[in-house]
Amino acid sequence: MKLYEDQLTKVHAATICDITDKDACATLKLNFGYGSNHDGIELHMDLSAETSEEILQLLITKYGVDKINSLKKDYFE
């Protein structure tokens, strides 16, 4: 969730976690395509460090650390 302040121009003031209302540092996007049970739906959530870590750990528990690591992109390499 993005918070804005009214000024002469709209200025992005903060990004807040949609789950915990804490400062957000991650984004989760899911785009459901043709053939899914949620066809055409897009889910976009801003997440705090705590919430994003919990989701990452759920994925690792479900699919394994090797699979999740194979999907990572490190922009600092």
N, C-alpha and C. Protein backbone atom coordinates (compact mmCIF):
# COMPACT_ATOMS: atom_id res chain seq x y z
N MET A 1 0.84 -1.15 0.00
CA MET A 1 0.00 0.00 0.00
C MET A 1 0.90 1.23 0.00
N LYS A 2 0.66 2.13 -0.88
CA LYS A 2 1.45 3.35 -0.99
C LYS A 2 0.68 4.50 -0.36
N LEU A 3 1.37 5.29 0.45
CA LEU A 3 0.76 6.45 1.08
C LEU A 3 1.26 7.71 0.39
N TYR A 4 0.37 8.64 0.16
CA TYR A 4 0.72 9.88 -0.52
C TYR A 4 0.34 11.07 0.36
N GLU A 5 1.07 12.16 0.21
CA GLU A 5 0.76 13.40 0.87
C GLU A 5 0.28 14.40 -0.18
N ASP A 6 -0.71 15.21 0.18
CA ASP A 6 -1.19 16.23 -0.74
C ASP A 6 -0.22 17.40 -0.74
N GLN A 7 0.28 17.75 -1.91
CA GLN A 7 1.13 18.90 -2.13
C GLN A 7 0.74 19.46 -3.48
N LEU A 8 1.54 20.36 -4.01
CA LEU A 8 1.25 20.88 -5.34
C LEU A 8 1.29 19.75 -6.36
N THR A 9 2.17 18.78 -6.12
CA THR A 9 2.23 17.58 -6.95
C THR A 9 2.16 16.38 -6.04
N LYS A 10 1.69 15.28 -6.56
CA LYS A 10 1.58 14.05 -5.78
C LYS A 10 2.97 13.46 -5.57
N VAL A 11 3.35 13.24 -4.32
CA VAL A 11 4.68 12.74 -3.96
C VAL A 11 4.52 11.42 -3.22
N HIS A 12 5.27 10.42 -3.65
CA HIS A 12 5.24 9.13 -2.97
C HIS A 12 5.89 9.29 -1.61
N ALA A 13 5.13 9.12 -0.52
CA ALA A 13 5.63 9.36 0.82
C ALA A 13 6.16 8.09 1.48
N ALA A 14 5.52 6.95 1.23
CA ALA A 14 5.95 5.71 1.88
C ALA A 14 5.28 4.52 1.20
N THR A 15 5.88 3.36 1.37
CA THR A 15 5.27 2.11 0.94
C THR A 15 5.09 1.25 2.18
N ILE A 16 3.86 0.83 2.43
CA ILE A 16 3.49 0.12 3.64
C ILE A 16 3.04 -1.29 3.28
N CYS A 17 3.41 -2.26 4.13
CA CYS A 17 3.02 -3.65 3.93
C CYS A 17 1.49 -3.77 3.96
N ASP A 18 0.94 -4.46 2.98
CA ASP A 18 -0.50 -4.66 2.90
C ASP A 18 -1.02 -5.63 3.96
N ILE A 19 -0.14 -6.37 4.61
CA ILE A 19 -0.54 -7.33 5.63
C ILE A 19 -0.36 -6.76 7.04
N THR A 20 0.82 -6.19 7.32
CA THR A 20 1.16 -5.78 8.69
C THR A 20 1.13 -4.28 8.93
N ASP A 21 1.02 -3.47 7.89
CA ASP A 21 1.08 -2.01 7.98
C ASP A 21 2.44 -1.49 8.43
N LYS A 22 3.49 -2.32 8.35
CA LYS A 22 4.85 -1.89 8.62
C LYS A 22 5.48 -1.41 7.31
N ASP A 23 6.67 -0.80 7.39
CA ASP A 23 7.37 -0.39 6.17
C ASP A 23 7.59 -1.59 5.26
N ALA A 24 7.34 -1.42 3.99
CA ALA A 24 7.48 -2.50 3.01
C ALA A 24 8.86 -2.46 2.37
N CYS A 25 9.39 -3.65 2.08
CA CYS A 25 10.68 -3.75 1.42
C CYS A 25 10.66 -4.78 0.29
N ALA A 26 9.50 -5.39 0.05
CA ALA A 26 9.39 -6.42 -0.98
C ALA A 26 8.02 -6.33 -1.63
N THR A 27 7.91 -6.91 -2.82
CA THR A 27 6.65 -6.95 -3.56
C THR A 27 6.39 -8.37 -4.02
N LEU A 28 5.16 -8.80 -3.91
CA LEU A 28 4.75 -10.10 -4.43
C LEU A 28 3.72 -9.86 -5.52
N LYS A 29 3.98 -10.40 -6.70
CA LYS A 29 3.04 -10.26 -7.81
C LYS A 29 2.69 -11.65 -8.34
N LEU A 30 1.41 -11.92 -8.49
CA LEU A 30 0.93 -13.15 -9.11
C LEU A 30 -0.01 -12.75 -10.24
N ASN A 31 0.25 -13.23 -11.42
CA ASN A 31 -0.61 -12.99 -12.58
C ASN A 31 -1.16 -14.34 -13.03
N PHE A 32 -2.47 -14.53 -12.91
CA PHE A 32 -3.09 -15.79 -13.27
C PHE A 32 -3.52 -15.75 -14.74
N GLY A 33 -3.11 -16.76 -15.47
CA GLY A 33 -3.38 -16.80 -16.89
C GLY A 33 -4.50 -17.74 -17.27
N TYR A 34 -4.67 -17.86 -18.57
CA TYR A 34 -5.72 -18.70 -19.14
C TYR A 34 -5.59 -20.13 -18.62
N GLY A 35 -6.71 -20.71 -18.21
CA GLY A 35 -6.73 -22.09 -17.74
C GLY A 35 -6.62 -22.24 -16.24
N SER A 36 -6.27 -21.17 -15.54
CA SER A 36 -6.20 -21.27 -14.08
C SER A 36 -7.59 -21.02 -13.49
N ASN A 37 -7.74 -21.36 -12.23
CA ASN A 37 -9.01 -21.11 -11.55
C ASN A 37 -9.23 -19.62 -11.29
N HIS A 38 -8.21 -18.81 -11.50
CA HIS A 38 -8.27 -17.38 -11.23
C HIS A 38 -7.93 -16.58 -12.49
N ASP A 39 -8.28 -17.09 -13.64
CA ASP A 39 -7.95 -16.51 -14.93
C ASP A 39 -8.21 -15.00 -14.97
N GLY A 40 -7.18 -14.26 -15.34
CA GLY A 40 -7.30 -12.82 -15.52
C GLY A 40 -7.09 -12.00 -14.25
N ILE A 41 -6.87 -12.66 -13.13
CA ILE A 41 -6.68 -11.93 -11.87
C ILE A 41 -5.21 -11.64 -11.65
N GLU A 42 -4.92 -10.44 -11.19
CA GLU A 42 -3.56 -10.05 -10.82
C GLU A 42 -3.57 -9.69 -9.34
N LEU A 43 -2.64 -10.29 -8.59
CA LEU A 43 -2.48 -10.01 -7.17
C LEU A 43 -1.16 -9.28 -7.00
N HIS A 44 -1.20 -8.12 -6.36
CA HIS A 44 0.00 -7.32 -6.13
C HIS A 44 -0.02 -6.89 -4.67
N MET A 45 1.00 -7.32 -3.92
CA MET A 45 1.08 -6.98 -2.51
C MET A 45 2.46 -6.42 -2.17
N ASP A 46 2.48 -5.33 -1.41
CA ASP A 46 3.71 -4.80 -0.84
C ASP A 46 3.88 -5.48 0.51
N LEU A 47 5.11 -5.96 0.81
CA LEU A 47 5.34 -6.77 2.00
C LEU A 47 6.47 -6.22 2.86
N SER A 48 6.32 -6.35 4.18
CA SER A 48 7.38 -6.01 5.12
C SER A 48 8.45 -7.10 5.09
N ALA A 49 9.58 -6.84 5.71
CA ALA A 49 10.65 -7.83 5.77
C ALA A 49 10.16 -9.10 6.45
N GLU A 50 9.43 -8.95 7.54
CA GLU A 50 8.92 -10.10 8.29
C GLU A 50 7.97 -10.95 7.43
N THR A 51 7.02 -10.30 6.78
CA THR A 51 6.04 -11.03 5.97
C THR A 51 6.70 -11.68 4.76
N SER A 52 7.60 -10.98 4.10
CA SER A 52 8.25 -11.56 2.92
C SER A 52 9.12 -12.76 3.31
N GLU A 53 9.76 -12.70 4.47
CA GLU A 53 10.57 -13.82 4.95
C GLU A 53 9.68 -15.03 5.25
N GLU A 54 8.52 -14.79 5.84
CA GLU A 54 7.59 -15.88 6.13
C GLU A 54 7.11 -16.56 4.84
N ILE A 55 6.81 -15.78 3.83
CA ILE A 55 6.36 -16.33 2.55
C ILE A 55 7.49 -17.11 1.89
N LEU A 56 8.70 -16.56 1.92
CA LEU A 56 9.85 -17.26 1.34
C LEU A 56 10.08 -18.60 2.05
N GLN A 57 9.96 -18.61 3.37
CA GLN A 57 10.15 -19.86 4.11
C GLN A 57 9.05 -20.88 3.80
N LEU A 58 7.82 -20.41 3.58
CA LEU A 58 6.74 -21.31 3.17
C LEU A 58 7.05 -21.97 1.83
N LEU A 59 7.55 -21.17 0.88
CA LEU A 59 7.91 -21.71 -0.43
C LEU A 59 9.06 -22.71 -0.32
N ILE A 60 10.06 -22.40 0.49
CA ILE A 60 11.19 -23.31 0.68
C ILE A 60 10.72 -24.61 1.32
N THR A 61 9.85 -24.52 2.31
CA THR A 61 9.33 -25.72 2.97
C THR A 61 8.53 -26.58 1.99
N LYS A 62 7.73 -25.95 1.17
CA LYS A 62 6.87 -26.68 0.23
C LYS A 62 7.65 -27.26 -0.95
N TYR A 63 8.57 -26.49 -1.53
CA TYR A 63 9.21 -26.88 -2.78
C TYR A 63 10.71 -27.16 -2.68
N GLY A 64 11.31 -26.87 -1.55
CA GLY A 64 12.72 -27.15 -1.35
C GLY A 64 13.60 -25.95 -1.66
N VAL A 65 14.70 -25.87 -0.92
CA VAL A 65 15.61 -24.73 -1.05
C VAL A 65 16.27 -24.69 -2.42
N ASP A 66 16.60 -25.86 -3.00
CA ASP A 66 17.26 -25.87 -4.31
C ASP A 66 16.36 -25.30 -5.39
N LYS A 67 15.08 -25.66 -5.37
CA LYS A 67 14.13 -25.15 -6.37
C LYS A 67 13.98 -23.64 -6.24
N ILE A 68 13.81 -23.15 -5.01
CA ILE A 68 13.63 -21.71 -4.80
C ILE A 68 14.89 -20.96 -5.19
N ASN A 69 16.06 -21.48 -4.81
CA ASN A 69 17.33 -20.83 -5.19
C ASN A 69 17.51 -20.78 -6.70
N SER A 70 17.00 -21.79 -7.41
CA SER A 70 17.13 -21.80 -8.87
C SER A 70 16.30 -20.70 -9.54
N LEU A 71 15.34 -20.15 -8.82
CA LEU A 71 14.47 -19.12 -9.37
C LEU A 71 14.92 -17.70 -9.04
N LYS A 72 15.91 -17.56 -8.17
CA LYS A 72 16.36 -16.24 -7.74
C LYS A 72 17.15 -15.53 -8.83
N LYS A 73 16.98 -14.21 -8.85
CA LYS A 73 17.81 -13.34 -9.70
C LYS A 73 18.54 -12.40 -8.76
N ASP A 74 19.85 -12.41 -8.82
CA ASP A 74 20.65 -11.51 -7.99
C ASP A 74 21.11 -10.36 -8.86
N TYR A 75 20.57 -9.17 -8.62
CA TYR A 75 20.87 -8.01 -9.46
C TYR A 75 22.23 -7.40 -9.15
N PHE A 76 22.93 -7.94 -8.15
CA PHE A 76 24.23 -7.40 -7.79
C PHE A 76 25.36 -8.26 -8.35
N GLU A 77 25.05 -9.34 -9.06
CA GLU A 77 26.09 -10.18 -9.65
C GLU A 77 26.60 -9.57 -10.93
